Amino acid sequence: MPELPEVEGVVRSLAPAASGRTIRDIAVSDTIIKSKSEAKEAILKNISPEEFAGRMRGMTITDVTRRSKYIYFHLRKDGDTHLLVSHLGMSGAWFAVNEMDEVKEEKFRRHIHVIFGMEDGGLLAYADIRRFGELRLIGAESDHPPLLAMAPEPFDDSAAGHFLDLCKTSKYAGKPIKETIMDGKVISGCGNIYATEALFRTGIHPGRKTGRISLKRLGLLFAEIRQVLGEAIEAGGSSISDYRNINGEAGGMQDRLRMYGRQYCPACGTATKRMTIAGRTSVYCPKCQH
């Protein structure tokens, strides 16, 4: 699943490609239409394809920003502001093209689910191979309370204090530290990949209970999380599995990962071990991490 750096990379490319453009028409895939007819919620959340198309038609995209792992399309129509919230799920991708043949990878081209035809003649398309992503049209963040529950951005001044305060609470003290730092209410945008890297860099076992880690060590861990997220942003994210930046561009952080997916520890050569935490596979060095 794309984490904060991957989503940031998409937004940095998508904002100049989409901002200032007005949506002329919308096409929704038969897959979504069938899902809605079966009372399911594939990609389009809490809205029918017909209503979505009707409301989006004539919208001007004024800006594209990121909040945690979400992409925010800021919209304006008839003097009113709206927000289209996009989560990439496991395999979502955005494409700004003139025609769909410009989507080079067939696996994405075959799974285009929403196409926005722009007044200038170009196209903005959302592809999602596994269909775990979402598009949610709302008036403002407050219309969808889970968005308001997200932790501060990890680069905000308040983020470290927020993290340390929650680590001391009974809700998180008994949880494995890996589970705690992957919780979006504790740290925004840190998932399995970068949690694995930060824990390795600080020598902390992913299964160690949060309450059994000193505040000093937790502070060092947060600083390392911030550091590795920053490095990944500069590298364009990690292109693992189905993640792609806008128009299919790959990131480069996967070549710099020291522990994620490794069979041997790069520091001591010991064979790595794996355990499942919060439903995700955690790779760690049994010698270097404790």
C-alpha atoms as a PDB file:
ATOM      1  CA  MET A   1       0.000   0.000   0.000  1.00  0.00           C
ATOM      2  CA  PRO A   2       1.436   3.423  -0.915  1.00  0.00           C
ATOM      3  CA  GLU A   3       2.606   5.317   2.161  1.00  0.00           C
ATOM      4  CA  LEU A   4       3.159   9.026   2.732  1.00  0.00           C
ATOM      5  CA  PRO A   5       6.226   9.377   0.442  1.00  0.00           C
ATOM      6  CA  GLU A   6       4.515   7.621  -2.465  1.00  0.00           C
ATOM      7  CA  VAL A   7       1.383   9.740  -2.124  1.00  0.00           C
ATOM      8  CA  GLU A   8       3.508  12.882  -1.832  1.00  0.00           C
ATOM      9  CA  GLY A   9       5.215  11.955  -5.090  1.00  0.00           C
ATOM     10  CA  VAL A  10       1.873  11.531  -6.826  1.00  0.00           C
ATOM     11  CA  VAL A  11       0.646  14.893  -5.524  1.00  0.00           C
ATOM     12  CA  ARG A  12       3.812  16.746  -6.585  1.00  0.00           C
ATOM     13  CA  SER A  13       3.299  15.516 -10.139  1.00  0.00           C
ATOM     14  CA  LEU A  14      -0.486  15.676 -10.178  1.00  0.00           C
ATOM     15  CA  ALA A  15      -0.910  19.217  -8.831  1.00  0.00           C
ATOM     16  CA  PRO A  16       0.672  21.018 -11.813  1.00  0.00           C
ATOM     17  CA  ALA A  17      -0.996  18.613 -14.250  1.00  0.00           C
ATOM     18  CA  ALA A  18      -4.511  19.064 -12.848  1.00  0.00           C
ATOM     19  CA  SER A  19      -4.768  22.434 -11.103  1.00  0.00           C
ATOM     20  CA  GLY A  20      -6.735  25.127 -12.904  1.00  0.00           C
ATOM     21  CA  ARG A  21      -8.498  22.688 -15.215  1.00  0.00           C
ATOM     22  CA  THR A  22     -12.266  22.238 -15.463  1.00  0.00           C
ATOM     23  CA  ILE A  23     -14.000  18.881 -15.809  1.00  0.00           C
ATOM     24  CA  ARG A  24     -16.221  18.617 -18.885  1.00  0.00           C
ATOM     25  CA  ASP A  25     -17.502  15.040 -18.570  1.00  0.00           C
ATOM     26  CA  ILE A  26     -16.970  11.837 -16.584  1.00  0.00           C
ATOM     27  CA  ALA A  27     -16.873   8.164 -17.544  1.00  0.00           C
ATOM     28  CA  VAL A  28     -17.204   5.438 -14.929  1.00  0.00           C
ATOM     29  CA  SER A  29     -16.247   1.813 -15.580  1.00  0.00           C
ATOM     30  CA  ASP A  30     -18.788  -0.983 -15.912  1.00  0.00           C
ATOM     31  CA  THR A  31     -17.053  -2.621 -12.935  1.00  0.00           C
ATOM     32  CA  ILE A  32     -18.065   0.243 -10.657  1.00  0.00           C
ATOM     33  CA  ILE A  33     -21.568   0.380 -12.103  1.00  0.00           C
ATOM     34  CA  LYS A  34     -22.016  -3.354 -11.514  1.00  0.00           C
ATOM     35  CA  SER A  35     -20.646  -3.023  -7.975  1.00  0.00           C
ATOM     36  CA  LYS A  36     -23.179  -0.313  -7.173  1.00  0.00           C
ATOM     37  CA  SER A  37     -26.025  -2.387  -8.607  1.00  0.00           C
ATOM     38  CA  GLU A  38     -25.008  -5.141  -6.163  1.00  0.00           C
ATOM     39  CA  ALA A  39     -25.022  -2.693  -3.235  1.00  0.00           C
ATOM     40  CA  LYS A  40     -21.232  -2.745  -2.991  1.00  0.00           C
ATOM     41  CA  GLU A  41     -18.904   0.235  -2.706  1.00  0.00           C
ATOM     42  CA  ALA A  42     -16.091  -0.300  -5.207  1.00  0.00           C
ATOM     43  CA  ILE A  43     -14.017   2.913  -5.400  1.00  0.00           C
ATOM     44  CA  LEU A  44     -16.881   5.449  -5.428  1.00  0.00           C
ATOM     45  CA  LYS A  45     -17.988   5.841  -1.817  1.00  0.00           C
ATOM     46  CA  ASN A  46     -21.495   6.787  -0.709  1.00  0.00           C
ATOM     47  CA  ILE A  47     -22.566   8.044  -4.116  1.00  0.00           C
ATOM     48  CA  SER A  48     -24.010   6.533  -7.271  1.00  0.00           C
ATOM     49  CA  PRO A  49     -22.076   6.765 -10.545  1.00  0.00           C
ATOM     50  CA  GLU A  50     -24.832   8.969 -11.977  1.00  0.00           C
ATOM     51  CA  GLU A  51     -24.791  11.420  -9.073  1.00  0.00           C
ATOM     52  CA  PHE A  52     -21.004  11.459  -9.034  1.00  0.00           C
ATOM     53  CA  ALA A  53     -20.848  12.314 -12.726  1.00  0.00           C
ATOM     54  CA  GLY A  54     -23.536  14.971 -12.374  1.00  0.00           C
ATOM     55  CA  ARG A  55     -21.879  16.680  -9.429  1.00  0.00           C
ATOM     56  CA  MET A  56     -18.333  16.503 -10.826  1.00  0.00           C
ATOM     57  CA  ARG A  57     -19.292  17.898 -14.231  1.00  0.00           C
ATOM     58  CA  GLY A  58     -18.263  21.563 -14.375  1.00  0.00           C
ATOM     59  CA  MET A  59     -15.986  21.349 -11.329  1.00  0.00           C
ATOM     60  CA  THR A  60     -12.715  23.286 -11.524  1.00  0.00           C
ATOM     61  CA  ILE A  61      -9.719  21.732  -9.779  1.00  0.00           C
ATOM     62  CA  THR A  62      -8.185  24.637  -7.865  1.00  0.00           C
ATOM     63  CA  ASP A  63      -5.407  22.655  -6.157  1.00  0.00           C
ATOM     64  CA  VAL A  64      -4.203  19.129  -5.317  1.00  0.00           C
ATOM     65  CA  THR A  65      -2.697  18.509  -1.883  1.00  0.00           C
ATOM     66  CA  ARG A  66      -1.846  15.615   0.422  1.00  0.00           C
ATOM     67  CA  ARG A  67      -3.019  14.777   3.944  1.00  0.00           C
ATOM     68  CA  SER A  68      -1.361  11.655   5.368  1.00  0.00           C
ATOM     69  CA  LYS A  69      -1.974   8.945   2.725  1.00  0.00           C
ATOM     70  CA  TYR A  70      -4.871  10.803   1.099  1.00  0.00           C
ATOM     71  CA  ILE A  71      -4.926  12.979  -2.003  1.00  0.00           C
ATOM     72  CA  TYR A  72      -7.193  16.023  -1.767  1.00  0.00           C
ATOM     73  CA  PHE A  73      -8.587  17.519  -4.969  1.00  0.00           C
ATOM     74  CA  HIS A  74      -9.828  20.998  -4.039  1.00  0.00           C
ATOM     75  CA  LEU A  75     -12.777  21.872  -6.253  1.00  0.00           C
ATOM     76  CA  ARG A  76     -14.955  24.865  -7.036  1.00  0.00           C
ATOM     77  CA  LYS A  77     -18.263  25.044  -8.864  1.00  0.00           C
ATOM     78  CA  ASP A  78     -20.827  27.851  -8.975  1.00  0.00           C
ATOM     79  CA  GLY A  79     -18.986  29.652  -6.184  1.00  0.00           C
ATOM     80  CA  ASP A  80     -19.061  26.665  -3.820  1.00  0.00           C
ATOM     81  CA  THR A  81     -16.029  24.643  -2.702  1.00  0.00           C
ATOM     82  CA  HIS A  82     -15.879  20.863  -2.605  1.00  0.00           C
ATOM     83  CA  LEU A  83     -13.316  18.185  -1.819  1.00  0.00           C
ATOM     84  CA  LEU A  84     -12.638  14.974  -3.731  1.00  0.00           C
ATOM     85  CA  VAL A  85     -10.676  12.659  -1.439  1.00  0.00           C
ATOM     86  CA  SER A  86      -8.641   9.917  -3.107  1.00  0.00           C
ATOM     87  CA  HIS A  87      -6.999   6.977  -1.368  1.00  0.00           C
ATOM     88  CA  LEU A  88      -4.848   4.772  -3.601  1.00  0.00           C
ATOM     89  CA  GLY A  89      -5.536   1.564  -1.670  1.00  0.00           C
ATOM     90  CA  MET A  90      -3.152  -1.203  -2.728  1.00  0.00           C
ATOM     91  CA  SER A  91      -2.791  -0.382  -6.415  1.00  0.00           C
ATOM     92  CA  GLY A  92      -4.391   2.935  -7.332  1.00  0.00           C
ATOM     93  CA  ALA A  93      -2.707   5.247  -9.854  1.00  0.00           C
ATOM     94  CA  TRP A  94      -3.482   8.569 -11.553  1.00  0.00           C
ATOM     95  CA  PHE A  95      -2.747   9.438 -15.175  1.00  0.00           C
ATOM     96  CA  ALA A  96      -2.845  12.843 -16.870  1.00  0.00           C
ATOM     97  CA  VAL A  97      -2.850  12.083 -20.594  1.00  0.00           C
ATOM     98  CA  ASN A  98      -4.303  13.211 -23.911  1.00  0.00           C
ATOM     99  CA  GLU A  99      -5.589   9.727 -24.794  1.00  0.00           C
ATOM    100  CA  MET A 100      -5.750   6.433 -22.935  1.00  0.00           C
ATOM    101  CA  ASP A 101      -3.159   4.758 -25.201  1.00  0.00           C
ATOM    102  CA  GLU A 102      -0.576   6.888 -23.397  1.00  0.00           C
ATOM    103  CA  VAL A 103      -1.039   4.674 -20.316  1.00  0.00           C
ATOM    104  CA  LYS A 104       1.876   2.371 -21.123  1.00  0.00           C
ATOM    105  CA  GLU A 105       1.407  -0.518 -18.682  1.00  0.00           C
ATOM    106  CA  GLU A 106      -1.417  -2.788 -19.762  1.00  0.00           C
ATOM    107  CA  LYS A 107      -2.223  -3.831 -16.194  1.00  0.00           C
ATOM    108  CA  PHE A 108      -3.229  -0.225 -15.444  1.00  0.00           C
ATOM    109  CA  ARG A 109      -4.795   0.474 -18.843  1.00  0.00           C
ATOM    110  CA  ARG A 110      -7.108  -2.529 -18.380  1.00  0.00           C
ATOM    111  CA  HIS A 111      -8.255  -1.263 -14.990  1.00  0.00           C
ATOM    112  CA  ILE A 112      -9.169   2.375 -15.618  1.00  0.00           C
ATOM    113  CA  HIS A 113     -12.259   3.027 -13.523  1.00  0.00           C
ATOM    114  CA  VAL A 114     -12.872   6.786 -13.681  1.00  0.00           C
ATOM    115  CA  ILE A 115     -11.980   9.146 -16.522  1.00  0.00           C
ATOM    116  CA  PHE A 116     -12.406  12.902 -16.256  1.00  0.00           C
ATOM    117  CA  GLY A 117     -12.592  14.579 -19.644  1.00  0.00           C
ATOM    118  CA  MET A 118     -11.238  18.102 -19.285  1.00  0.00           C
ATOM    119  CA  GLU A 119     -12.455  21.209 -21.077  1.00  0.00           C
ATOM    120  CA  ASP A 120      -8.998  21.639 -22.605  1.00  0.00           C
ATOM    121  CA  GLY A 121      -9.305  18.235 -24.255  1.00  0.00           C
ATOM    122  CA  GLY A 122      -6.997  16.259 -21.965  1.00  0.00           C
ATOM    123  CA  LEU A 123      -7.904  13.382 -19.667  1.00  0.00           C
ATOM    124  CA  LEU A 124      -7.389  12.707 -15.984  1.00  0.00           C
ATOM    125  CA  ALA A 125      -7.836   9.005 -15.244  1.00  0.00           C
ATOM    126  CA  TYR A 126      -7.867   6.853 -12.132  1.00  0.00           C
ATOM    127  CA  ALA A 127      -6.782   3.202 -12.444  1.00  0.00           C
ATOM    128  CA  ASP A 128      -7.007   0.622  -9.687  1.00  0.00           C
ATOM    129  CA  ILE A 129      -6.040  -3.000 -10.318  1.00  0.00           C
ATOM    130  CA  ARG A 130      -7.293  -4.424  -7.020  1.00  0.00           C
ATOM    131  CA  ARG A 131     -10.056  -1.843  -6.469  1.00  0.00           C
ATOM    132  CA  PHE A 132      -9.201  -1.213  -2.807  1.00  0.00           C
ATOM    133  CA  GLY A 133      -8.801   2.518  -3.389  1.00  0.00           C
ATOM    134  CA  GLU A 134     -11.524   5.105  -3.012  1.00  0.00           C
ATOM    135  CA  LEU A 135     -12.904   8.352  -4.351  1.00  0.00           C
ATOM    136  CA  ARG A 136     -15.086  10.272  -1.911  1.00  0.00           C
ATOM    137  CA  LEU A 137     -16.789  13.547  -2.863  1.00  0.00           C
ATOM    138  CA  ILE A 138     -17.551  15.733   0.160  1.00  0.00           C
ATOM    139  CA  GLY A 139     -17.967  19.376   0.994  1.00  0.00           C
ATOM    140  CA  ALA A 140     -15.131  19.572   3.524  1.00  0.00           C
ATOM    141  CA  GLU A 141     -12.994  17.366   5.787  1.00  0.00           C
ATOM    142  CA  SER A 142     -15.569  17.683   8.563  1.00  0.00           C
ATOM    143  CA  ASP A 143     -18.068  15.762   6.409  1.00  0.00           C
ATOM    144  CA  HIS A 144     -15.990  12.613   6.896  1.00  0.00           C
ATOM    145  CA  PRO A 145     -14.926  12.412  10.588  1.00  0.00           C
ATOM    146  CA  PRO A 146     -12.124   9.804  10.105  1.00  0.00           C
ATOM    147  CA  LEU A 147     -10.161  12.476   8.236  1.00  0.00           C
ATOM    148  CA  LEU A 148     -10.213  14.693  11.317  1.00  0.00           C
ATOM    149  CA  ALA A 149      -8.855  11.874  13.503  1.00  0.00           C
ATOM    150  CA  MET A 150      -5.555  11.646  11.620  1.00  0.00           C
ATOM    151  CA  ALA A 151      -2.358  12.508  13.470  1.00  0.00           C
ATOM    152  CA  PRO A 152      -0.464  15.702  12.597  1.00  0.00           C
ATOM    153  CA  GLU A 153       1.784  15.516   9.572  1.00  0.00           C
ATOM    154  CA  PRO A 154       5.087  13.958  10.736  1.00  0.00           C
ATOM    155  CA  PHE A 155       7.024  17.075   9.697  1.00  0.00           C
ATOM    156  CA  ASP A 156       4.786  19.393  11.744  1.00  0.00           C
ATOM    157  CA  ASP A 157       6.211  20.798  14.970  1.00  0.00           C
ATOM    158  CA  SER A 158       3.425  19.188  17.013  1.00  0.00           C
ATOM    159  CA  ALA A 159       3.894  15.673  15.603  1.00  0.00           C
ATOM    160  CA  ALA A 160       6.634  14.433  17.956  1.00  0.00           C
ATOM    161  CA  GLY A 161       4.778  15.521  21.076  1.00  0.00           C
ATOM    162  CA  HIS A 162       1.560  13.981  19.783  1.00  0.00           C
ATOM    163  CA  PHE A 163       3.374  10.687  19.188  1.00  0.00           C
ATOM    164  CA  LEU A 164       5.032  10.595  22.618  1.00  0.00           C
ATOM    165  CA  ASP A 165       1.817  11.529  24.405  1.00  0.00           C
ATOM    166  CA  LEU A 166      -0.142   8.694  22.789  1.00  0.00           C
ATOM    167  CA  CYS A 167       2.638   6.162  23.415  1.00  0.00           C
ATOM    168  CA  LYS A 168       2.189   6.780  27.150  1.00  0.00           C
ATOM    169  CA  THR A 169      -1.543   6.038  27.115  1.00  0.00           C
ATOM    170  CA  SER A 170      -3.006   2.685  28.122  1.00  0.00           C
ATOM    171  CA  LYS A 171      -4.488   2.287  24.633  1.00  0.00           C
ATOM    172  CA  TYR A 172      -1.048   1.972  23.053  1.00  0.00           C
ATOM    173  CA  ALA A 173       1.312   0.977  25.876  1.00  0.00           C
ATOM    174  CA  GLY A 174       0.423  -2.704  25.548  1.00  0.00           C
ATOM    175  CA  LYS A 175       0.633  -2.803  21.761  1.00  0.00           C
ATOM    176  CA  PRO A 176       3.708  -3.807  19.735  1.00  0.00           C
ATOM    177  CA  ILE A 177       5.604  -0.682  18.723  1.00  0.00           C
ATOM    178  CA  LYS A 178       5.261  -1.619  15.046  1.00  0.00           C
ATOM    179  CA  GLU A 179       1.474  -1.579  15.372  1.00  0.00           C
ATOM    180  CA  THR A 180       1.572   1.741  17.217  1.00  0.00           C
ATOM    181  CA  ILE A 181       3.617   3.591  14.607  1.00  0.00           C
ATOM    182  CA  MET A 182       1.512   2.228  11.742  1.00  0.00           C
ATOM    183  CA  ASP A 183      -1.635   3.663  13.365  1.00  0.00           C
ATOM    184  CA  GLY A 184      -2.604   6.786  11.436  1.00  0.00           C
ATOM    185  CA  LYS A 185      -3.964   8.384  14.598  1.00  0.00           C
ATOM    186  CA  VAL A 186      -0.467   8.177  16.116  1.00  0.00           C
ATOM    187  CA  ILE A 187       1.722   9.012  13.088  1.00  0.00           C
ATOM    188  CA  SER A 188       0.330  10.094   9.728  1.00  0.00           C
ATOM    189  CA  GLY A 189       1.392   8.147   6.689  1.00  0.00           C
ATOM    190  CA  CYS A 190       3.867   5.646   8.159  1.00  0.00           C
ATOM    191  CA  GLY A 191       3.072   2.110   6.990  1.00  0.00           C
ATOM    192  CA  ASN A 192       4.823  -1.224   6.862  1.00  0.00           C
ATOM    193  CA  ILE A 193       7.778  -0.265   4.664  1.00  0.00           C
ATOM    194  CA  TYR A 194       9.009   2.792   6.529  1.00  0.00           C
ATOM    195  CA  ALA A 195       8.091   1.467   9.978  1.00  0.00           C
ATOM    196  CA  THR A 196      10.322  -1.542   9.212  1.00  0.00           C
ATOM    197  CA  GLU A 197      13.193   0.726   8.169  1.00  0.00           C
ATOM    198  CA  ALA A 198      12.926   3.108  11.125  1.00  0.00           C
ATOM    199  CA  LEU A 199      12.785   0.264  13.657  1.00  0.00           C
ATOM    200  CA  PHE A 200      15.872  -1.319  12.130  1.00  0.00           C
ATOM    201  CA  ARG A 201      17.778   1.975  12.163  1.00  0.00           C
ATOM    202  CA  THR A 202      17.015   2.459  15.853  1.00  0.00           C
ATOM    203  CA  GLY A 203      17.597  -1.177  16.790  1.00  0.00           C
ATOM    204  CA  ILE A 204      14.094  -1.704  18.166  1.00  0.00           C
ATOM    205  CA  HIS A 205      12.352  -5.071  17.854  1.00  0.00           C
ATOM    206  CA  PRO A 206       9.003  -4.593  16.052  1.00  0.00           C
ATOM    207  CA  GLY A 207       7.174  -6.733  18.608  1.00  0.00           C
ATOM    208  CA  ARG A 208       8.454  -4.869  21.656  1.00  0.00           C
ATOM    209  CA  LYS A 209       5.600  -3.389  23.689  1.00  0.00           C
ATOM    210  CA  THR A 210       5.327   0.358  23.289  1.00  0.00           C
ATOM    211  CA  GLY A 211       5.142   0.893  27.045  1.00  0.00           C
ATOM    212  CA  ARG A 212       8.451  -0.915  27.557  1.00  0.00           C
ATOM    213  CA  ILE A 213      10.402   1.584  25.449  1.00  0.00           C
ATOM    214  CA  SER A 214      11.877   4.643  27.155  1.00  0.00           C
ATOM    215  CA  LEU A 215      10.692   8.090  26.125  1.00  0.00           C
ATOM    216  CA  LYS A 216      14.237   8.907  25.016  1.00  0.00           C
ATOM    217  CA  ARG A 217      14.299   5.897  22.715  1.00  0.00           C
ATOM    218  CA  LEU A 218      10.809   6.665  21.436  1.00  0.00           C
ATOM    219  CA  GLY A 219      11.993  10.168  20.632  1.00  0.00           C
ATOM    220  CA  LEU A 220      14.898   8.770  18.637  1.00  0.00           C
ATOM    221  CA  LEU A 221      12.499   6.434  16.832  1.00  0.00           C
ATOM    222  CA  PHE A 222      10.228   9.305  15.832  1.00  0.00           C
ATOM    223  CA  ALA A 223      13.200  11.288  14.563  1.00  0.00           C
ATOM    224  CA  GLU A 224      14.233   8.282  12.463  1.00  0.00           C
ATOM    225  CA  ILE A 225      10.708   7.869  11.087  1.00  0.00           C
ATOM    226  CA  ARG A 226      10.754  11.511  10.041  1.00  0.00           C
ATOM    227  CA  GLN A 227      14.201  11.041   8.499  1.00  0.00           C
ATOM    228  CA  VAL A 228      13.337   7.939   6.473  1.00  0.00           C
ATOM    229  CA  LEU A 229      10.073   9.467   5.247  1.00  0.00           C
ATOM    230  CA  GLY A 230      12.001  12.529   4.089  1.00  0.00           C
ATOM    231  CA  GLU A 231      14.568  10.385   2.286  1.00  0.00           C
ATOM    232  CA  ALA A 232      11.803   8.435   0.571  1.00  0.00           C
ATOM    233  CA  ILE A 233      10.061  11.622  -0.587  1.00  0.00           C
ATOM    234  CA  GLU A 234      13.266  12.835  -2.199  1.00  0.00           C
ATOM    235  CA  ALA A 235      13.730   9.419  -3.878  1.00  0.00           C
ATOM    236  CA  GLY A 236      10.209   9.496  -5.320  1.00  0.00           C
ATOM    237  CA  GLY A 237       8.895   6.763  -3.016  1.00  0.00           C
ATOM    238  CA  SER A 238       9.294   2.998  -3.216  1.00  0.00           C
ATOM    239  CA  SER A 239       7.972   1.295  -6.356  1.00  0.00           C
ATOM    240  CA  ILE A 240       7.097  -2.075  -4.874  1.00  0.00           C
ATOM    241  CA  SER A 241       4.408  -4.281  -6.436  1.00  0.00           C
ATOM    242  CA  ASP A 242       1.761  -2.102  -8.143  1.00  0.00           C
ATOM    243  CA  TYR A 243       2.739   1.377  -6.944  1.00  0.00           C
ATOM    244  CA  ARG A 244       3.464   3.955  -9.631  1.00  0.00           C
ATOM    245  CA  ASN A 245       3.774   7.717  -9.584  1.00  0.00           C
ATOM    246  CA  ILE A 246       1.629   9.748 -11.979  1.00  0.00           C
ATOM    247  CA  ASN A 247       1.697   8.382 -15.552  1.00  0.00           C
ATOM    248  CA  GLY A 248       3.441   5.183 -14.479  1.00  0.00           C
ATOM    249  CA  GLU A 249       6.706   6.693 -13.237  1.00  0.00           C
ATOM    250  CA  ALA A 250       8.608   4.555 -10.718  1.00  0.00           C
ATOM    251  CA  GLY A 251      10.288   5.719  -7.515  1.00  0.00           C
ATOM    252  CA  GLY A 252      13.806   4.839  -6.354  1.00  0.00           C
ATOM    253  CA  MET A 253      13.599   4.349  -2.584  1.00  0.00           C
ATOM    254  CA  GLN A 254      13.214   0.568  -2.915  1.00  0.00           C
ATOM    255  CA  ASP A 255      16.907   0.409  -3.844  1.00  0.00           C
ATOM    256  CA  ARG A 256      17.861   2.099  -0.561  1.00  0.00           C
ATOM    257  CA  LEU A 257      15.787  -0.029   1.822  1.00  0.00           C
ATOM    258  CA  ARG A 258      18.049  -1.846   4.270  1.00  0.00           C
ATOM    259  CA  MET A 259      15.634  -4.190   6.053  1.00  0.00           C
ATOM    260  CA  TYR A 260      12.280  -4.347   4.257  1.00  0.00           C
ATOM    261  CA  GLY A 261      12.141  -7.605   2.275  1.00  0.00           C
ATOM    262  CA  ARG A 262      15.728  -8.561   3.138  1.00  0.00           C
ATOM    263  CA  GLN A 263      16.842 -12.111   3.906  1.00  0.00           C
ATOM    264  CA  TYR A 264      20.014 -11.087   5.706  1.00  0.00           C
ATOM    265  CA  CYS A 265      20.836  -8.155   7.963  1.00  0.00           C
ATOM    266  CA  PRO A 266      23.055  -5.627   6.149  1.00  0.00           C
ATOM    267  CA  ALA A 267      24.753  -4.728   9.442  1.00  0.00           C
ATOM    268  CA  CYS A 268      25.714  -8.132  10.878  1.00  0.00           C
ATOM    269  CA  GLY A 269      24.836 -10.691   8.190  1.00  0.00           C
ATOM    270  CA  THR A 270      22.404 -12.599  10.408  1.00  0.00           C
ATOM    271  CA  ALA A 271      19.428 -14.201   8.680  1.00  0.00           C
ATOM    272  CA  THR A 272      16.380 -11.993   9.196  1.00  0.00           C
ATOM    273  CA  LYS A 273      13.188 -13.230  10.831  1.00  0.00           C
ATOM    274  CA  ARG A 274       9.552 -12.498  10.143  1.00  0.00           C
ATOM    275  CA  MET A 275       6.526 -12.075  12.348  1.00  0.00           C
ATOM    276  CA  THR A 276       2.997 -10.854  11.731  1.00  0.00           C
ATOM    277  CA  ILE A 277       1.963  -7.644  13.479  1.00  0.00           C
ATOM    278  CA  ALA A 278      -1.383  -5.961  12.850  1.00  0.00           C
ATOM    279  CA  GLY A 279      -1.872  -8.198   9.835  1.00  0.00           C
ATOM    280  CA  ARG A 280       1.398  -7.148   8.184  1.00  0.00           C
ATOM    281  CA  THR A 281       4.641  -9.111   7.812  1.00  0.00           C
ATOM    282  CA  SER A 282       7.413  -7.568   9.871  1.00  0.00           C
ATOM    283  CA  VAL A 283      11.019  -8.300   8.889  1.00  0.00           C
ATOM    284  CA  TYR A 284      13.700  -7.739  11.519  1.00  0.00           C
ATOM    285  CA  CYS A 285      17.191  -8.758  12.625  1.00  0.00           C
ATOM    286  CA  PRO A 286      17.078 -10.928  15.752  1.00  0.00           C
ATOM    287  CA  LYS A 287      20.596  -9.799  16.679  1.00  0.00           C
ATOM    288  CA  CYS A 288      20.503  -6.045  16.032  1.00  0.00           C
ATOM    289  CA  GLN A 289      16.918  -5.343  17.132  1.00  0.00           C
ATOM    290  CA  HIS A 290      15.769  -5.887  20.698  1.00  0.00           C
END
